[in-house]
Structure formats: structure tokens, C-alpha cells
Amino acid sequence: MNTFKPSGICAMAINYEVEDGKVKNVKFLGGCPGNHKGIESLVEGMDIDFVIDRLSGITCGHRSSSCPDQLAKALKEYKAENM
């Protein structure tokens, strides 16, 4: 399990796994549970590059980032370190 500490959003951490280039077991800690469950369900089993491409740059209201964007950042970091 990997843990990412996001910034600029309500969630305090994002836990996730990557298996064979696929995103697995994403869990947001803190923040908006309904939205997080939706994101977690939608990205389950998706290719890491597809998730990064789709979620990067999404903002939340006046914030320059969002929970989806922070997940994309977590996955980019993962790729840089592990792939």
C-alpha cells in the first residue's frame, strides 16, 4: 500500500496500490466521502497513465487542485519512483 499526503484539499491522505500498471484499492482519508467513493470506484483497475491523463488539472471551486488532481499527482510520483 502506498500513501500520499495531498495538499490544498480536504482529504488528509490517499492510500492506493498499483499492480501491473493498474490502479487498485484507492482510499481517501478525510474529506467528502461520497465523492471519494465515486473516484475510488471509477479508477479501480484502470491503467495508471489513463487515470493520470484524465484527472490531472481538475480544480475544486477556487482551489487550484482537487481530490482527483491530487490522486493524479500521487500516481505521477509513483511512476517516477517505481516504473
Protein backbone atom coordinates (compact mmCIF):
# COMPACT_ATOMS: atom_id res chain seq x y z
CA MET A 1 0.00 0.00 0.00
CA ASN A 2 1.29 3.45 -0.91
CA THR A 3 0.30 6.60 0.97
CA PHE A 4 0.32 10.11 -0.49
CA LYS A 5 -0.10 13.25 1.62
CA PRO A 6 -2.13 15.65 -0.54
CA SER A 7 -2.05 19.42 -0.30
CA GLY A 8 -4.74 22.02 -0.87
CA ILE A 9 -7.68 19.63 -0.42
CA CYS A 10 -9.83 18.36 2.45
CA ALA A 11 -8.54 14.76 2.37
CA MET A 12 -5.61 14.12 4.71
CA ALA A 13 -4.15 11.14 2.82
CA ILE A 14 -4.66 8.96 -0.22
CA ASN A 15 -3.84 5.26 0.00
CA TYR A 16 -3.51 3.25 -3.20
CA GLU A 17 -1.82 0.33 -4.90
CA VAL A 18 -0.56 -0.23 -8.42
CA GLU A 19 -0.42 -3.77 -9.82
CA ASP A 20 0.84 -4.45 -13.35
CA GLY A 21 0.27 -0.80 -14.27
CA LYS A 22 -3.32 -0.81 -12.98
CA VAL A 23 -4.64 1.36 -10.13
CA LYS A 24 -6.08 -0.64 -7.24
CA ASN A 25 -7.58 -0.12 -3.77
CA VAL A 26 -7.69 3.70 -3.74
CA LYS A 27 -8.89 5.08 -0.41
CA PHE A 28 -9.15 8.77 0.52
CA LEU A 29 -8.90 9.59 4.23
CA GLY A 30 -10.98 12.60 5.28
CA GLY A 31 -12.89 14.93 3.01
CA CYS A 32 -16.12 14.22 1.09
CA PRO A 33 -16.94 10.51 1.43
CA GLY A 34 -19.48 10.30 -1.41
CA ASN A 35 -17.21 11.94 -3.94
CA HIS A 36 -14.28 9.84 -2.80
CA LYS A 37 -16.23 6.60 -3.11
CA GLY A 38 -17.10 7.61 -6.66
CA ILE A 39 -13.49 8.32 -7.59
CA GLU A 40 -12.30 5.13 -5.88
CA SER A 41 -14.83 3.03 -7.78
CA LEU A 42 -14.24 4.68 -11.14
CA VAL A 43 -10.44 4.31 -11.16
CA GLU A 44 -10.36 0.71 -9.84
CA GLY A 45 -8.49 -1.44 -12.36
CA MET A 46 -7.75 1.42 -14.75
CA ASP A 47 -4.38 1.89 -16.40
CA ILE A 48 -2.22 4.28 -14.38
CA ASP A 49 -1.50 6.50 -17.40
CA PHE A 50 -5.19 6.80 -18.26
CA VAL A 51 -6.04 7.86 -14.70
CA ILE A 52 -3.22 10.42 -14.65
CA ASP A 53 -4.29 11.84 -18.02
CA ARG A 54 -7.97 12.07 -17.09
CA LEU A 55 -7.61 13.50 -13.57
CA SER A 56 -4.64 15.88 -13.89
CA GLY A 57 -5.50 19.55 -13.65
CA ILE A 58 -9.04 19.21 -12.27
CA THR A 59 -9.77 22.02 -9.82
CA CYS A 60 -12.26 22.33 -6.97
CA GLY A 61 -14.05 25.67 -6.70
CA HIS A 62 -11.49 28.39 -6.03
CA ARG A 63 -8.75 25.85 -5.22
CA SER A 64 -6.01 25.20 -7.75
CA SER A 65 -6.25 21.43 -7.16
CA SER A 66 -8.84 18.80 -6.25
CA CYS A 67 -9.02 15.27 -4.91
CA PRO A 68 -8.85 13.79 -8.43
CA ASP A 69 -5.89 16.04 -9.27
CA GLN A 70 -4.09 15.02 -6.08
CA LEU A 71 -4.62 11.34 -6.93
CA ALA A 72 -3.07 12.02 -10.34
CA LYS A 73 -0.09 13.67 -8.61
CA ALA A 74 0.28 10.65 -6.32
CA LEU A 75 0.32 8.33 -9.32
CA LYS A 76 2.83 10.52 -11.18
CA GLU A 77 5.14 10.34 -8.17
CA TYR A 78 4.67 6.59 -8.01
CA LYS A 79 5.58 6.23 -11.69
CA ALA A 80 8.68 8.39 -11.32
CA GLU A 81 9.91 6.25 -8.44
CA ASN A 82 8.81 2.76 -9.50
CA MET A 83 8.27 2.43 -13.23
